[in-house]
Amino acid sequence: MPARNILVINCGSSSIKFALVNEAHSQFSLSGLAERLGSPDAVLHWQRGGEKDSLMIPGADHRAALSQLLPLVQGAAGGKLHGIGHRVVHGGERFTQAQRVDTSVLAAIRDTAPLAPLHNPANLQGIEAALKLFADLPQVVVFDTAFHQTLPEHAYRYALPEVLYREHGVRRYGFHGTSHRFVSHRAAQMSELSVGDSSWLSAHLGNGCSTCAIVDGQSRDTSMGLTPLEGLVMGTRSGDVDPNLHSHLARTLGWDLAQIDRMLNQDAGLLGLSGLSNDMRSLEQAREQGHAGATLAIEVFCYRLAKSLAAMSCALPRLDGLIFTGGIGENSPLIRSKTVAHLRLLGLALDKEANARCIRGVAGSIQAQGHPRVLVVPTNEERQIALDTLALL
């Protein structure tokens, strides 16, 4: 049977990230981004092989952008597209694995929207647009939260009145599940260990960041919670703060909930600490030039990351390795070394040359000789979504 092609779609409120994945090839046949949708500046960018191109699509919505994308996809797939995989951020408690799209699945995604108001409605827009344009193709949804549905109750419950959980779903769900799952499988392969008999700490570090404890291929704890705000310091998100901060700011500054929510999600994290940028590359350059805010942001980021990884170790029977992934995790030797320096009690230490070598997609072991395994593993969420889609087909 010839290798199959899956189009992977990840829709934001004004964007569509896409990739055409062939099961036989590691590189994407086609990939790109439609951004600023709904505005006069809407544009479609794509890359095929080594060639990049762009097309202005003024005023285009999700459906119009996908219709412009359709001939590009058909061309790159040689007219043989076998299915579409959609990323959906929040599946609540109902979804523990990928699902074929049908009316009940669409209704459940809609019902879960209050738990992810910025993400699920946008994901749904993309699915509905694709269903109209690709009516004859099987379509599958893959949920960010599904991998974490194996958390034990003592890890996912908050210490809150029972009614909030039973009637309103207030619990820890976790995110980045597709990435944590993919890199833990790759780490096992790289280490010649069985996925079903291995224990990992995983750090997905990008503009959004989370840690995860993975035992025998299953998530046992993770740093994100009810929403993607809980846990680590991120690009513009605060991560953990005192739960009483909301009432303190309301009482002392007169801020309303919307203002506090916007600050914690959009003005905090690396950006808030540094007063400069949410981009770690910019902060590392500024740190070298003596910028105090950038230096502080990096120190806080690494210390909080190490604290979270140490806490995640409570869920492991043993440690087979620590995995760094995501844009920062894959490309910042500085962040990896500063984080590991805080984890001496776990016996971790890095080989300086190996650490420096693992950037720009280079995977590998970076631990010092005689110390527990530390791996840099590039993530590939699109490929994992395609694999999950193929498994259902």
Protein backbone atom coordinates (compact mmCIF):
# COMPACT_ATOMS: atom_id res chain seq x y z
CA MET A 1 0.00 0.00 0.00
CA PRO A 2 1.43 3.43 -0.94
CA ALA A 3 2.33 5.82 1.90
CA ARG A 4 -0.64 7.94 2.98
CA ASN A 5 -0.90 11.74 3.23
CA ILE A 6 -2.58 13.51 6.15
CA LEU A 7 -3.25 17.26 6.31
CA VAL A 8 -2.81 18.50 9.88
CA ILE A 9 -4.65 21.71 10.80
CA ASN A 10 -4.24 23.82 13.95
CA CYS A 11 -6.63 26.77 14.01
CA GLY A 12 -6.32 29.83 16.21
CA SER A 13 -8.82 32.66 16.41
CA SER A 14 -7.15 34.49 13.49
CA SER A 15 -4.70 31.92 12.15
CA ILE A 16 -4.32 28.44 10.67
CA LYS A 17 -1.08 26.51 11.06
CA PHE A 18 -0.92 23.55 8.68
CA ALA A 19 1.34 20.72 7.57
CA LEU A 20 1.00 17.94 5.01
CA VAL A 21 2.48 14.80 6.56
CA ASN A 22 3.42 11.71 4.54
CA GLU A 23 3.79 8.64 6.75
CA ALA A 24 6.91 7.51 4.89
CA HIS A 25 8.82 10.81 5.08
CA SER A 26 10.19 12.71 8.08
CA GLN A 27 10.01 16.11 6.31
CA PHE A 28 6.67 17.82 5.64
CA SER A 29 5.59 17.81 1.98
CA LEU A 30 4.01 21.23 2.58
CA SER A 31 3.72 23.46 5.63
CA GLY A 32 2.77 27.01 6.46
CA LEU A 33 0.60 29.55 8.20
CA ALA A 34 -2.42 31.64 7.33
CA GLU A 35 -2.45 34.63 9.67
CA ARG A 36 -4.33 37.86 10.45
CA LEU A 37 -7.52 36.19 9.17
CA GLY A 38 -10.57 38.43 9.10
CA SER A 39 -8.44 41.54 8.51
CA PRO A 40 -7.40 43.42 5.35
CA ASP A 41 -3.86 42.12 5.96
CA ALA A 42 -4.75 38.40 5.91
CA VAL A 43 -1.96 36.42 4.30
CA LEU A 44 -1.12 32.78 3.50
CA HIS A 45 2.53 31.67 3.82
CA TRP A 46 3.73 28.23 2.76
CA GLN A 47 6.88 26.20 2.19
CA ARG A 48 7.24 23.27 -0.17
CA GLY A 49 10.63 21.63 -0.38
CA GLY A 50 13.13 24.48 -0.15
CA GLU A 51 10.79 27.03 -1.74
CA LYS A 52 8.78 29.60 0.23
CA ASP A 53 5.88 31.67 -1.06
CA SER A 54 3.09 33.96 0.17
CA LEU A 55 -0.32 35.09 -1.02
CA MET A 56 -2.31 38.05 0.27
CA ILE A 57 -5.93 37.04 0.98
CA PRO A 58 -7.54 40.31 2.23
CA GLY A 59 -10.53 39.78 4.51
CA ALA A 60 -10.36 35.97 4.27
CA ASP A 61 -11.93 33.94 7.08
CA HIS A 62 -10.94 30.37 8.00
CA ARG A 63 -13.01 28.82 5.21
CA ALA A 64 -11.66 31.19 2.55
CA ALA A 65 -8.08 30.57 3.69
CA LEU A 66 -8.60 26.79 3.57
CA SER A 67 -10.09 27.05 0.08
CA GLN A 68 -6.91 28.87 -1.07
CA LEU A 69 -4.86 26.17 0.61
CA LEU A 70 -6.77 23.28 -1.03
CA PRO A 71 -5.07 23.32 -4.47
CA LEU A 72 -1.62 23.63 -2.82
CA VAL A 73 -2.37 20.57 -0.68
CA GLN A 74 -3.72 18.55 -3.60
CA GLY A 75 -0.64 19.42 -5.65
CA ALA A 76 1.84 18.48 -2.91
CA ALA A 77 -0.08 15.26 -2.17
CA GLY A 78 -0.21 14.28 -5.85
CA GLY A 79 -4.00 14.36 -5.63
CA LYS A 80 -3.95 11.66 -2.95
CA LEU A 81 -5.03 13.10 0.39
CA HIS A 82 -6.25 10.42 2.81
CA GLY A 83 -7.55 12.39 5.78
CA ILE A 84 -7.35 15.50 7.97
CA GLY A 85 -6.17 15.68 11.55
CA HIS A 86 -7.26 18.64 13.69
CA ARG A 87 -5.62 19.83 16.89
CA VAL A 88 -8.14 20.69 19.61
CA VAL A 89 -6.79 22.16 22.83
CA HIS A 90 -9.36 20.98 25.36
CA GLY A 91 -11.22 17.68 25.41
CA GLY A 92 -12.32 17.83 29.05
CA GLU A 93 -12.79 14.45 30.73
CA ARG A 94 -14.70 12.91 27.87
CA PHE A 95 -11.83 12.32 25.43
CA THR A 96 -8.91 10.07 26.29
CA GLN A 97 -7.78 9.57 22.69
CA ALA A 98 -8.25 10.86 19.14
CA GLN A 99 -11.78 10.73 17.69
CA ARG A 100 -13.38 10.62 14.26
CA VAL A 101 -15.32 13.85 13.70
CA ASP A 102 -19.09 13.45 13.97
CA THR A 103 -21.95 15.54 15.33
CA SER A 104 -21.53 14.27 18.90
CA VAL A 105 -17.79 15.08 18.91
CA LEU A 106 -18.48 18.58 17.57
CA ALA A 107 -21.11 19.10 20.27
CA ALA A 108 -18.68 17.97 22.97
CA ILE A 109 -15.97 20.37 21.74
CA ARG A 110 -18.55 23.15 21.84
CA ASP A 111 -19.64 22.15 25.35
CA THR A 112 -16.02 22.22 26.55
CA ALA A 113 -15.45 25.76 25.23
CA PRO A 114 -15.90 27.41 28.68
CA LEU A 115 -12.74 25.56 29.81
CA ALA A 116 -10.73 26.95 26.85
CA PRO A 117 -12.56 30.06 25.60
CA LEU A 118 -9.60 31.32 23.55
CA HIS A 119 -8.87 27.99 21.87
CA ASN A 120 -11.82 25.60 21.45
CA PRO A 121 -14.11 27.99 19.52
CA ALA A 122 -11.25 28.74 17.10
CA ASN A 123 -10.42 25.03 16.74
CA LEU A 124 -14.11 24.41 16.02
CA GLN A 125 -14.18 27.09 13.32
CA GLY A 126 -11.40 25.31 11.47
CA ILE A 127 -13.05 21.90 11.77
CA GLU A 128 -16.39 23.17 10.47
CA ALA A 129 -14.72 24.98 7.57
CA ALA A 130 -12.74 21.86 6.66
CA LEU A 131 -15.86 19.67 6.81
CA LYS A 132 -17.50 21.87 4.17
CA LEU A 133 -14.44 22.00 1.90
CA PHE A 134 -13.25 18.40 2.33
CA ALA A 135 -16.64 16.73 2.71
CA ASP A 136 -15.48 13.38 1.30
CA LEU A 137 -12.42 12.98 3.54
CA PRO A 138 -12.34 11.32 6.97
CA GLN A 139 -11.47 13.88 9.65
CA VAL A 140 -10.05 13.27 13.11
CA VAL A 141 -9.59 15.45 16.19
CA VAL A 142 -6.60 15.04 18.51
CA PHE A 143 -6.88 16.66 21.94
CA ASP A 144 -4.02 18.33 23.84
CA THR A 145 -5.59 17.16 27.10
CA ALA A 146 -6.19 13.51 26.15
CA PHE A 147 -2.69 12.24 27.05
CA HIS A 148 -3.13 13.52 30.61
CA GLN A 149 -6.37 11.64 31.26
CA THR A 150 -4.22 8.92 32.88
CA LEU A 151 -3.38 11.21 35.82
CA PRO A 152 -4.46 9.63 39.13
CA GLU A 153 -7.15 11.48 41.05
CA HIS A 154 -4.71 12.66 43.71
CA ALA A 155 -2.79 14.47 40.92
CA TYR A 156 -5.70 16.03 39.05
CA ARG A 157 -8.02 17.14 41.87
CA TYR A 158 -7.82 20.60 43.45
CA ALA A 159 -8.48 20.97 47.18
CA LEU A 160 -11.85 22.59 46.49
CA PRO A 161 -15.46 21.70 47.35
CA GLU A 162 -16.57 18.51 45.59
CA VAL A 163 -19.46 20.23 43.79
CA LEU A 164 -17.06 22.35 41.71
CA TYR A 165 -15.52 19.20 40.27
CA ARG A 166 -18.65 17.05 39.96
CA GLU A 167 -20.90 19.70 38.40
CA HIS A 168 -18.49 22.16 36.78
CA GLY A 169 -15.42 20.12 35.82
CA VAL A 170 -12.99 22.16 37.90
CA ARG A 171 -9.87 19.97 37.99
CA ARG A 172 -6.38 19.81 36.49
CA TYR A 173 -6.38 18.76 32.82
CA GLY A 174 -2.89 19.56 31.51
CA PHE A 175 -1.87 20.53 27.98
CA HIS A 176 0.95 19.93 25.44
CA GLY A 177 -0.03 16.26 25.70
CA THR A 178 0.69 15.55 22.03
CA SER A 179 4.23 16.90 22.42
CA HIS A 180 5.00 15.13 25.72
CA ARG A 181 3.73 11.87 24.24
CA PHE A 182 5.78 12.20 21.05
CA VAL A 183 9.08 13.07 22.74
CA SER A 184 8.77 10.37 25.41
CA HIS A 185 8.33 7.76 22.65
CA ARG A 186 11.33 9.17 20.76
CA ALA A 187 13.40 9.27 23.96
CA ALA A 188 12.68 5.58 24.57
CA GLN A 189 13.71 4.74 20.98
CA MET A 190 16.91 6.81 21.26
CA SER A 191 17.78 5.08 24.56
CA GLU A 192 16.82 1.57 23.37
CA LEU A 193 14.24 1.29 26.13
CA SER A 194 10.69 0.03 25.92
CA VAL A 195 8.05 2.79 25.96
CA GLY A 196 6.02 0.50 28.22
CA ASP A 197 8.84 0.16 30.74
CA SER A 198 10.43 3.59 31.09
CA SER A 199 10.08 6.72 33.26
CA TRP A 200 10.73 10.26 32.02
CA LEU A 201 10.64 13.87 33.08
CA SER A 202 9.69 16.03 30.10
CA ALA A 203 10.04 19.81 29.74
CA HIS A 204 8.20 21.37 26.78
CA LEU A 205 9.55 24.93 26.61
CA GLY A 206 8.26 27.44 24.07
CA ASN A 207 6.08 30.53 24.39
CA GLY A 208 3.89 28.14 26.40
CA CYS A 209 5.74 25.82 28.79
CA SER A 210 4.90 22.72 30.79
CA THR A 211 6.53 19.76 32.50
CA CYS A 212 5.27 16.19 32.63
CA ALA A 213 6.04 12.95 34.48
CA ILE A 214 5.63 9.99 32.11
CA VAL A 215 5.62 6.38 33.35
CA ASP A 216 5.36 3.41 30.96
CA GLY A 217 4.03 5.66 28.20
CA GLN A 218 1.36 7.33 30.37
CA SER A 219 1.16 10.82 31.87
CA ARG A 220 1.23 10.68 35.67
CA ASP A 221 1.46 14.40 36.48
CA THR A 222 1.88 17.68 34.62
CA SER A 223 2.37 21.33 35.50
CA MET A 224 -0.55 22.93 33.63
CA GLY A 225 -3.99 22.69 35.22
CA LEU A 226 -7.58 23.72 34.50
CA THR A 227 -6.15 26.21 31.99
CA PRO A 228 -2.73 26.63 30.34
CA LEU A 229 -1.92 29.43 32.84
CA GLU A 230 -0.93 27.16 35.74
CA GLY A 231 2.65 26.07 36.30
CA LEU A 232 5.85 27.38 34.75
CA VAL A 233 6.90 30.91 33.81
CA MET A 234 6.08 31.29 30.08
CA GLY A 235 6.51 33.89 27.35
CA THR A 236 3.67 36.16 28.45
CA ARG A 237 1.92 33.94 31.03
CA SER A 238 2.75 34.22 34.72
CA GLY A 239 2.47 30.56 35.66
CA ASP A 240 1.80 29.95 39.35
CA VAL A 241 0.95 32.98 41.49
CA ASP A 242 -0.69 33.33 44.90
CA PRO A 243 -4.37 32.37 44.33
CA ASN A 244 -5.36 35.45 46.34
CA LEU A 245 -3.61 37.80 43.89
CA HIS A 246 -6.91 38.48 42.12
CA SER A 247 -8.63 39.84 45.23
CA HIS A 248 -5.48 41.73 46.27
CA LEU A 249 -5.31 43.56 42.92
CA ALA A 250 -9.05 44.20 42.93
CA ARG A 251 -8.91 45.60 46.46
CA THR A 252 -5.74 47.68 46.20
CA LEU A 253 -5.76 48.80 42.54
CA GLY A 254 -9.44 48.49 41.65
CA TRP A 255 -8.73 46.12 38.77
CA ASP A 256 -11.61 44.05 37.40
CA LEU A 257 -11.38 40.34 36.49
CA ALA A 258 -10.86 41.00 32.77
CA GLN A 259 -7.92 43.32 33.49
CA ILE A 260 -6.29 40.83 35.86
CA ASP A 261 -6.86 37.96 33.43
CA ARG A 262 -5.30 39.94 30.57
CA MET A 263 -2.25 40.84 32.69
CA LEU A 264 -1.63 37.24 33.82
CA ASN A 265 -1.97 35.83 30.29
CA GLN A 266 -0.57 38.57 28.05
CA ASP A 267 1.63 40.94 30.05
CA ALA A 268 3.38 38.64 32.55
CA GLY A 269 5.93 35.81 32.27
CA LEU A 270 9.27 36.56 30.60
CA LEU A 271 7.82 39.75 29.12
CA GLY A 272 6.61 41.06 32.48
CA LEU A 273 9.77 40.12 34.38
CA SER A 274 12.19 41.51 31.79
CA GLY A 275 10.19 44.54 30.70
CA LEU A 276 11.73 43.80 27.32
CA SER A 277 10.52 40.71 25.41
CA ASN A 278 8.79 37.34 25.60
CA ASP A 279 11.39 35.87 23.20
CA MET A 280 14.14 33.91 24.94
CA ARG A 281 16.60 34.60 22.11
CA SER A 282 16.24 38.35 22.65
CA LEU A 283 16.56 37.92 26.41
CA GLU A 284 19.75 35.86 26.13
CA GLN A 285 21.31 38.56 23.92
CA ALA A 286 20.21 41.29 26.35
CA ARG A 287 21.59 39.32 29.29
CA GLU A 288 25.00 39.19 27.61
CA GLN A 289 24.85 42.99 27.36
CA GLY A 290 24.09 43.31 31.08
CA HIS A 291 20.33 43.94 30.95
CA ALA A 292 19.11 43.43 34.53
CA GLY A 293 15.50 42.60 33.61
CA ALA A 294 16.53 39.98 31.05
CA THR A 295 18.97 38.44 33.53
CA LEU A 296 16.27 38.22 36.22
CA ALA A 297 13.71 36.75 33.80
CA ILE A 298 16.12 33.95 32.83
CA GLU A 299 17.04 33.19 36.45
CA VAL A 300 13.39 32.99 37.54
CA PHE A 301 12.45 30.91 34.47
CA CYS A 302 15.16 28.31 35.14
CA TYR A 303 14.63 28.11 38.89
CA ARG A 304 10.87 27.67 38.55
CA LEU A 305 11.39 25.06 35.82
CA ALA A 306 13.79 23.10 38.04
CA LYS A 307 11.34 23.30 40.98
CA SER A 308 8.58 21.90 38.77
CA LEU A 309 10.75 19.05 37.47
CA ALA A 310 11.77 18.15 41.04
CA ALA A 311 8.08 18.11 42.01
CA MET A 312 7.20 15.92 38.98
CA SER A 313 9.79 13.37 40.13
CA CYS A 314 7.38 12.45 42.95
CA ALA A 315 5.28 10.63 40.32
CA LEU A 316 8.15 8.46 39.01
CA PRO A 317 9.23 5.03 40.29
CA ARG A 318 12.69 5.77 38.86
CA LEU A 319 14.28 8.28 36.48
CA ASP A 320 15.34 7.00 33.05
CA GLY A 321 15.96 10.51 31.78
CA LEU A 322 15.08 14.18 31.53
CA ILE A 323 13.85 15.42 28.12
CA PHE A 324 14.12 19.00 26.85
CA THR A 325 11.90 19.94 23.89
CA GLY A 326 10.05 22.89 22.31
CA GLY A 327 11.62 26.01 20.79
CA ILE A 328 13.55 26.94 23.94
CA GLY A 329 14.21 23.40 25.12
CA GLU A 330 15.67 22.40 21.75
CA ASN A 331 17.73 25.53 21.12
CA SER A 332 18.99 27.03 24.40
CA PRO A 333 22.08 25.43 25.96
CA LEU A 334 22.01 28.25 28.54
CA ILE A 335 18.51 27.42 29.81
CA ARG A 336 19.29 23.69 29.92
CA SER A 337 22.52 24.19 31.88
CA LYS A 338 21.04 26.69 34.35
CA THR A 339 18.03 24.44 34.97
CA VAL A 340 20.07 21.28 35.49
CA ALA A 341 22.41 23.16 37.86
CA HIS A 342 19.43 23.46 40.27
CA LEU A 343 18.80 19.69 40.14
CA ARG A 344 21.92 18.35 41.82
CA LEU A 345 19.86 16.28 44.27
CA LEU A 346 18.61 14.24 41.27
CA GLY A 347 22.26 13.63 40.33
CA LEU A 348 21.93 15.49 37.02
CA ALA A 349 24.89 17.15 35.27
CA LEU A 350 25.59 18.14 31.65
CA ASP A 351 28.46 17.65 29.24
CA LYS A 352 29.23 21.21 28.11
CA GLU A 353 30.21 20.32 24.52
CA ALA A 354 27.27 17.96 23.96
CA ASN A 355 24.88 20.57 25.35
CA ALA A 356 26.26 23.26 23.02
CA ARG A 357 25.96 20.92 20.02
CA CYS A 358 22.21 20.24 20.43
CA ILE A 359 20.56 23.19 18.69
CA ARG A 360 18.56 23.74 15.47
CA GLY A 361 16.99 20.29 15.33
CA VAL A 362 20.02 18.30 16.52
CA ALA A 363 18.87 15.62 18.98
CA GLY A 364 21.06 13.78 21.41
CA SER A 365 22.26 12.90 24.90
CA ILE A 366 23.82 15.82 26.76
CA GLN A 367 24.51 14.38 30.24
CA ALA A 368 27.99 14.29 31.73
CA GLN A 369 29.55 10.83 31.86
CA GLY A 370 28.31 8.75 34.79
CA HIS A 371 25.23 10.93 35.41
CA PRO A 372 21.52 10.23 34.69
CA ARG A 373 20.39 10.59 31.08
CA VAL A 374 19.43 14.05 29.75
CA LEU A 375 18.14 14.25 26.17
CA VAL A 376 17.32 16.99 23.70
CA VAL A 377 14.45 15.67 21.56
CA PRO A 378 12.88 17.88 18.87
CA THR A 379 9.11 17.67 19.12
CA ASN A 380 6.84 17.08 16.15
CA GLU A 381 3.23 17.58 17.22
CA GLU A 382 2.03 17.61 13.61
CA ARG A 383 3.52 14.17 12.95
CA GLN A 384 1.99 12.80 16.15
CA ILE A 385 -1.43 14.17 15.14
CA ALA A 386 -0.99 12.56 11.71
CA LEU A 387 -0.04 9.21 13.30
CA ASP A 388 -3.07 9.37 15.59
CA THR A 389 -5.26 10.17 12.58
CA LEU A 390 -3.84 7.26 10.56
CA ALA A 391 -4.37 4.90 13.51
CA LEU A 392 -8.10 5.71 13.45
CA LEU A 393 -8.34 5.34 9.67
